[in-house]
C-alpha atoms as a PDB file:
ATOM      1  CA  UNK A   1      71.122 -43.131 -60.834  1.00  0.00           C
ATOM      2  CA  UNK A   2      73.875 -43.372 -58.203  1.00  0.00           C
ATOM      3  CA  UNK A   3      74.739 -39.722 -58.694  1.00  0.00           C
ATOM      4  CA  UNK A   4      71.130 -38.614 -58.117  1.00  0.00           C
ATOM      5  CA  UNK A   5      70.952 -40.857 -55.045  1.00  0.00           C
ATOM      6  CA  UNK A   6      74.118 -39.206 -53.700  1.00  0.00           C
ATOM      7  CA  UNK A   7      72.484 -35.776 -54.038  1.00  0.00           C
ATOM      8  CA  UNK A   8      69.524 -36.902 -51.977  1.00  0.00           C
ATOM      9  CA  UNK A   9      71.821 -38.387 -49.319  1.00  0.00           C
ATOM     10  CA  UNK A  10      73.897 -35.191 -49.191  1.00  0.00           C
ATOM     11  CA  UNK A  11      70.734 -33.116 -48.826  1.00  0.00           C
ATOM     12  CA  UNK A  12      69.410 -35.397 -46.071  1.00  0.00           C
ATOM     13  CA  UNK A  13      72.732 -35.242 -44.218  1.00  0.00           C
ATOM     14  CA  UNK A  14      72.786 -31.464 -44.449  1.00  0.00           C
ATOM     15  CA  UNK A  15      69.207 -31.081 -43.266  1.00  0.00           C
ATOM     16  CA  UNK A  16      69.701 -33.562 -40.437  1.00  0.00           C
ATOM     17  CA  UNK A  17      72.217 -31.045 -39.082  1.00  0.00           C
ATOM     18  CA  UNK A  18      74.146 -33.421 -36.820  1.00  0.00           C
ATOM     19  CA  UNK A  19      76.892 -30.784 -36.474  1.00  0.00           C
ATOM     20  CA  UNK A  20      74.372 -28.227 -35.114  1.00  0.00           C
ATOM     21  CA  UNK A  21      75.294 -25.618 -37.726  1.00  0.00           C
ATOM     22  CA  UNK A  22      73.419 -22.347 -37.730  1.00  0.00           C
ATOM     23  CA  UNK A  23      70.845 -21.590 -40.421  1.00  0.00           C
ATOM     24  CA  UNK A  24      73.166 -19.354 -42.475  1.00  0.00           C
ATOM     25  CA  UNK A  25      75.846 -22.036 -42.773  1.00  0.00           C
ATOM     26  CA  UNK A  26      73.216 -24.642 -43.685  1.00  0.00           C
ATOM     27  CA  UNK A  27      71.829 -22.368 -46.404  1.00  0.00           C
ATOM     28  CA  UNK A  28      75.322 -21.806 -47.789  1.00  0.00           C
ATOM     29  CA  UNK A  29      76.120 -25.535 -47.786  1.00  0.00           C
ATOM     30  CA  UNK A  30      72.780 -26.375 -49.388  1.00  0.00           C
ATOM     31  CA  UNK A  31      73.342 -23.721 -52.081  1.00  0.00           C
ATOM     32  CA  UNK A  32      76.699 -25.356 -52.780  1.00  0.00           C
ATOM     33  CA  UNK A  33      74.919 -28.686 -53.192  1.00  0.00           C
ATOM     34  CA  UNK A  34      72.398 -27.075 -55.553  1.00  0.00           C
ATOM     35  CA  UNK A  35      75.199 -25.564 -57.648  1.00  0.00           C
ATOM     36  CA  UNK A  36      76.817 -29.018 -57.902  1.00  0.00           C
ATOM     37  CA  UNK A  37      73.466 -30.461 -58.977  1.00  0.00           C
ATOM     38  CA  UNK A  38      72.920 -27.644 -61.477  1.00  0.00           C
ATOM     39  CA  UNK A  39      76.290 -28.416 -63.101  1.00  0.00           C
ATOM     40  CA  UNK A  40      75.084 -31.950 -63.750  1.00  0.00           C
ATOM     41  CA  UNK A  41      72.284 -30.519 -65.909  1.00  0.00           C
ATOM     42  CA  UNK A  42      74.882 -29.545 -68.459  1.00  0.00           C
ATOM     43  CA  UNK A  43      76.247 -33.105 -68.683  1.00  0.00           C
ATOM     44  CA  UNK A  44      75.763 -35.724 -71.372  1.00  0.00           C
ATOM     45  CA  UNK A  45      73.139 -37.844 -69.637  1.00  0.00           C
ATOM     46  CA  UNK A  46      69.554 -36.772 -70.338  1.00  0.00           C
ATOM     47  CA  UNK A  47      68.323 -38.810 -67.376  1.00  0.00           C
ATOM     48  CA  UNK A  48      70.757 -37.115 -64.974  1.00  0.00           C
ATOM     49  CA  UNK A  49      69.837 -33.697 -66.383  1.00  0.00           C
ATOM     50  CA  UNK A  50      66.135 -34.428 -65.780  1.00  0.00           C
ATOM     51  CA  UNK A  51      66.871 -35.592 -62.210  1.00  0.00           C
ATOM     52  CA  UNK A  52      68.970 -32.486 -61.561  1.00  0.00           C
ATOM     53  CA  UNK A  53      66.255 -30.191 -62.912  1.00  0.00           C
ATOM     54  CA  UNK A  54      63.636 -31.837 -60.704  1.00  0.00           C
ATOM     55  CA  UNK A  55      65.887 -31.732 -57.622  1.00  0.00           C
ATOM     56  CA  UNK A  56      66.643 -28.019 -58.052  1.00  0.00           C
ATOM     57  CA  UNK A  57      62.987 -27.211 -58.824  1.00  0.00           C
ATOM     58  CA  UNK A  58      61.688 -28.979 -55.705  1.00  0.00           C
ATOM     59  CA  UNK A  59      64.401 -27.474 -53.511  1.00  0.00           C
ATOM     60  CA  UNK A  60      63.510 -23.984 -54.735  1.00  0.00           C
ATOM     61  CA  UNK A  61      59.814 -24.528 -54.125  1.00  0.00           C
ATOM     62  CA  UNK A  62      60.495 -25.467 -50.478  1.00  0.00           C
ATOM     63  CA  UNK A  63      63.258 -22.891 -49.985  1.00  0.00           C
ATOM     64  CA  UNK A  64      61.250 -20.315 -47.995  1.00  0.00           C
ATOM     65  CA  UNK A  65      60.375 -22.814 -45.258  1.00  0.00           C
ATOM     66  CA  UNK A  66      63.309 -25.190 -45.528  1.00  0.00           C
ATOM     67  CA  UNK A  67      65.492 -23.605 -42.842  1.00  0.00           C
ATOM     68  CA  UNK A  68      62.890 -22.135 -40.457  1.00  0.00           C
ATOM     69  CA  UNK A  69      63.307 -24.960 -37.960  1.00  0.00           C
ATOM     70  CA  UNK A  70      67.004 -24.112 -37.624  1.00  0.00           C
ATOM     71  CA  UNK A  71      66.233 -20.429 -36.965  1.00  0.00           C
ATOM     72  CA  UNK A  72      63.495 -21.161 -34.380  1.00  0.00           C
ATOM     73  CA  UNK A  73      64.705 -23.852 -31.975  1.00  0.00           C
ATOM     74  CA  UNK A  74      61.207 -24.788 -30.715  1.00  0.00           C
ATOM     75  CA  UNK A  75      59.775 -25.258 -34.201  1.00  0.00           C
ATOM     76  CA  UNK A  76      59.284 -28.924 -35.139  1.00  0.00           C
ATOM     77  CA  UNK A  77      61.741 -30.035 -37.809  1.00  0.00           C
ATOM     78  CA  UNK A  78      59.355 -32.130 -39.881  1.00  0.00           C
ATOM     79  CA  UNK A  79      55.655 -32.309 -40.679  1.00  0.00           C
ATOM     80  CA  UNK A  80      55.574 -35.595 -38.775  1.00  0.00           C
ATOM     81  CA  UNK A  81      56.722 -33.789 -35.613  1.00  0.00           C
ATOM     82  CA  UNK A  82      54.013 -31.160 -36.096  1.00  0.00           C
ATOM     83  CA  UNK A  83      51.357 -33.798 -36.708  1.00  0.00           C
ATOM     84  CA  UNK A  84      52.464 -35.647 -33.594  1.00  0.00           C
ATOM     85  CA  UNK A  85      52.013 -32.472 -31.551  1.00  0.00           C
ATOM     86  CA  UNK A  86      48.527 -31.861 -32.989  1.00  0.00           C
ATOM     87  CA  UNK A  87      47.580 -35.517 -32.613  1.00  0.00           C
ATOM     88  CA  UNK A  88      48.623 -35.460 -28.974  1.00  0.00           C
ATOM     89  CA  UNK A  89      46.447 -32.400 -28.413  1.00  0.00           C
ATOM     90  CA  UNK A  90      43.440 -34.080 -30.074  1.00  0.00           C
ATOM     91  CA  UNK A  91      44.015 -37.260 -28.068  1.00  0.00           C
ATOM     92  CA  UNK A  92      44.091 -35.407 -24.750  1.00  0.00           C
ATOM     93  CA  UNK A  93      41.021 -33.354 -25.665  1.00  0.00           C
ATOM     94  CA  UNK A  94      39.064 -36.498 -26.520  1.00  0.00           C
ATOM     95  CA  UNK A  95      40.297 -38.202 -23.382  1.00  0.00           C
ATOM     96  CA  UNK A  96      39.364 -35.256 -21.150  1.00  0.00           C
ATOM     97  CA  UNK A  97      35.900 -34.734 -22.673  1.00  0.00           C
ATOM     98  CA  UNK A  98      34.963 -38.316 -23.559  1.00  0.00           C
ATOM     99  CA  UNK A  99      34.015 -37.168 -27.060  1.00  0.00           C
ATOM    100  CA  UNK A 100      35.056 -38.871 -30.265  1.00  0.00           C
ATOM    101  CA  UNK A 101      35.087 -35.607 -32.216  1.00  0.00           C
ATOM    102  CA  UNK A 102      36.315 -32.125 -31.434  1.00  0.00           C
ATOM    103  CA  UNK A 103      34.120 -30.164 -29.068  1.00  0.00           C
ATOM    104  CA  UNK A 104      32.629 -26.844 -30.078  1.00  0.00           C
ATOM    105  CA  UNK A 105      34.954 -25.119 -27.643  1.00  0.00           C
ATOM    106  CA  UNK A 106      37.956 -26.566 -29.469  1.00  0.00           C
ATOM    107  CA  UNK A 107      36.574 -25.328 -32.764  1.00  0.00           C
ATOM    108  CA  UNK A 108      35.921 -21.826 -31.426  1.00  0.00           C
ATOM    109  CA  UNK A 109      38.902 -21.443 -29.116  1.00  0.00           C
ATOM    110  CA  UNK A 110      41.188 -24.073 -30.645  1.00  0.00           C
ATOM    111  CA  UNK A 111      44.065 -21.805 -31.564  1.00  0.00           C
ATOM    112  CA  UNK A 112      44.324 -20.526 -28.000  1.00  0.00           C
ATOM    113  CA  UNK A 113      43.870 -23.938 -26.417  1.00  0.00           C
ATOM    114  CA  UNK A 114      46.447 -25.542 -28.680  1.00  0.00           C
ATOM    115  CA  UNK A 115      49.019 -22.910 -27.790  1.00  0.00           C
ATOM    116  CA  UNK A 116      48.223 -23.221 -24.102  1.00  0.00           C
ATOM    117  CA  UNK A 117      48.521 -27.009 -24.234  1.00  0.00           C
ATOM    118  CA  UNK A 118      51.781 -27.131 -26.180  1.00  0.00           C
ATOM    119  CA  UNK A 119      53.707 -24.026 -25.143  1.00  0.00           C
ATOM    120  CA  UNK A 120      53.101 -23.736 -21.436  1.00  0.00           C
ATOM    121  CA  UNK A 121      56.102 -24.676 -19.328  1.00  0.00           C
ATOM    122  CA  UNK A 122      55.792 -27.405 -16.692  1.00  0.00           C
ATOM    123  CA  UNK A 123      56.091 -24.934 -13.790  1.00  0.00           C
ATOM    124  CA  UNK A 124      53.405 -22.303 -13.095  1.00  0.00           C
ATOM    125  CA  UNK A 125      53.742 -18.908 -14.739  1.00  0.00           C
ATOM    126  CA  UNK A 126      54.034 -15.671 -12.791  1.00  0.00           C
ATOM    127  CA  UNK A 127      51.642 -12.747 -13.306  1.00  0.00           C
ATOM    128  CA  UNK A 128      54.076 -10.641 -15.337  1.00  0.00           C
ATOM    129  CA  UNK A 129      54.660 -13.588 -17.678  1.00  0.00           C
ATOM    130  CA  UNK A 130      50.927 -13.831 -18.397  1.00  0.00           C
ATOM    131  CA  UNK A 131      50.615 -10.174 -19.363  1.00  0.00           C
ATOM    132  CA  UNK A 132      50.282  -9.829 -23.161  1.00  0.00           C
ATOM    133  CA  UNK A 133      53.305  -8.385 -24.942  1.00  0.00           C
ATOM    134  CA  UNK A 134      51.118  -6.433 -27.364  1.00  0.00           C
ATOM    135  CA  UNK A 135      47.801  -5.210 -26.034  1.00  0.00           C
ATOM    136  CA  UNK A 136      46.539  -4.503 -29.566  1.00  0.00           C
ATOM    137  CA  UNK A 137      47.273  -8.081 -30.717  1.00  0.00           C
ATOM    138  CA  UNK A 138      45.548  -9.424 -27.606  1.00  0.00           C
ATOM    139  CA  UNK A 139      42.461  -7.269 -28.270  1.00  0.00           C
ATOM    140  CA  UNK A 140      42.405  -8.385 -31.905  1.00  0.00           C
ATOM    141  CA  UNK A 141      42.523 -12.055 -30.834  1.00  0.00           C
ATOM    142  CA  UNK A 142      39.743 -11.456 -28.299  1.00  0.00           C
ATOM    143  CA  UNK A 143      37.563  -9.825 -30.991  1.00  0.00           C
ATOM    144  CA  UNK A 144      38.142 -12.786 -33.333  1.00  0.00           C
ATOM    145  CA  UNK A 145      37.313 -15.294 -30.606  1.00  0.00           C
ATOM    146  CA  UNK A 146      34.204 -13.356 -29.538  1.00  0.00           C
ATOM    147  CA  UNK A 147      33.062 -13.171 -33.161  1.00  0.00           C
ATOM    148  CA  UNK A 148      33.473 -16.945 -33.555  1.00  0.00           C
ATOM    149  CA  UNK A 149      31.564 -17.484 -30.314  1.00  0.00           C
ATOM    150  CA  UNK A 150      28.724 -15.214 -31.469  1.00  0.00           C
ATOM    151  CA  UNK A 151      28.523 -17.057 -34.799  1.00  0.00           C
ATOM    152  CA  UNK A 152      28.251 -20.381 -32.974  1.00  0.00           C
ATOM    153  CA  UNK A 153      25.564 -18.940 -30.665  1.00  0.00           C
ATOM    154  CA  UNK A 154      23.514 -17.706 -33.620  1.00  0.00           C
ATOM    155  CA  UNK A 155      23.789 -21.105 -35.313  1.00  0.00           C
ATOM    156  CA  UNK A 156      22.586 -22.810 -32.152  1.00  0.00           C
ATOM    157  CA  UNK A 157      19.624 -20.428 -31.827  1.00  0.00           C
ATOM    158  CA  UNK A 158      18.652 -21.010 -35.443  1.00  0.00           C
ATOM    159  CA  UNK A 159      18.848 -24.803 -35.118  1.00  0.00           C
ATOM    160  CA  UNK A 160      16.855 -24.767 -31.885  1.00  0.00           C
ATOM    161  CA  UNK A 161      13.927 -22.741 -33.250  1.00  0.00           C
ATOM    162  CA  UNK A 162      14.317 -21.500 -36.854  1.00  0.00           C
ATOM    163  CA  UNK A 163      10.915 -19.782 -37.026  1.00  0.00           C
ATOM    164  CA  UNK A 164      11.424 -17.760 -33.844  1.00  0.00           C
ATOM    165  CA  UNK A 165      14.969 -16.854 -34.922  1.00  0.00           C
ATOM    166  CA  UNK A 166      13.838 -15.572 -38.335  1.00  0.00           C
ATOM    167  CA  UNK A 167      10.859 -13.735 -36.788  1.00  0.00           C
ATOM    168  CA  UNK A 168      13.215 -11.906 -34.380  1.00  0.00           C
ATOM    169  CA  UNK A 169      15.409 -10.843 -37.308  1.00  0.00           C
ATOM    170  CA  UNK A 170      12.356  -9.614 -39.248  1.00  0.00           C
ATOM    171  CA  UNK A 171      11.097  -7.655 -36.209  1.00  0.00           C
ATOM    172  CA  UNK A 172      14.518  -6.055 -35.805  1.00  0.00           C
ATOM    173  CA  UNK A 173      14.596  -5.064 -39.476  1.00  0.00           C
ATOM    174  CA  UNK A 174      11.086  -3.609 -39.291  1.00  0.00           C
ATOM    175  CA  UNK A 175      12.050  -1.460 -36.310  1.00  0.00           C
ATOM    176  CA  UNK A 176      15.177  -0.268 -38.071  1.00  0.00           C
ATOM    177  CA  UNK A 177      13.812   0.554 -41.517  1.00  0.00           C
ATOM    178  CA  UNK A 178      10.073   1.109 -41.250  1.00  0.00           C
ATOM    179  CA  UNK A 179       8.544   4.171 -39.601  1.00  0.00           C
ATOM    180  CA  UNK A 180       6.465   3.445 -36.465  1.00  0.00           C
END
């Protein structure tokens, strides 16, 4: 049991990264830890072998995202940090609007508003900084946002007057498919 606990402490110490190692060195050190753990699978203790198997299995399942926060300095290190960021955004939205739930604008334009609220620097941006890096990506985002907005508009029209909404659709279909 002590041996398995030591593995977890070593992993936590490595991932805490007090020495500010780069991602490649952390990966190498963590692989070394995993090889030490894997050697314990071949030992006499069935319990320790089961713990080692589980430790290696879980580490491998998280491997693709385990070191991203060390490669991207602004990326939150833990899920708790990410949740705190999102919770802060929700809190400020509720405070600004007086609503208890998310507004429709947050649902439709949430991805843009979240980025604007969390990424913007404290000082004002200059015009050249606001220009999109990729015009095609910007146009794609605009199309997605406009499509979401149109969907919300159609839902609102249907809820307001379902009979008139369906009649307008039928009239449109008649004009399109039936001869005059």
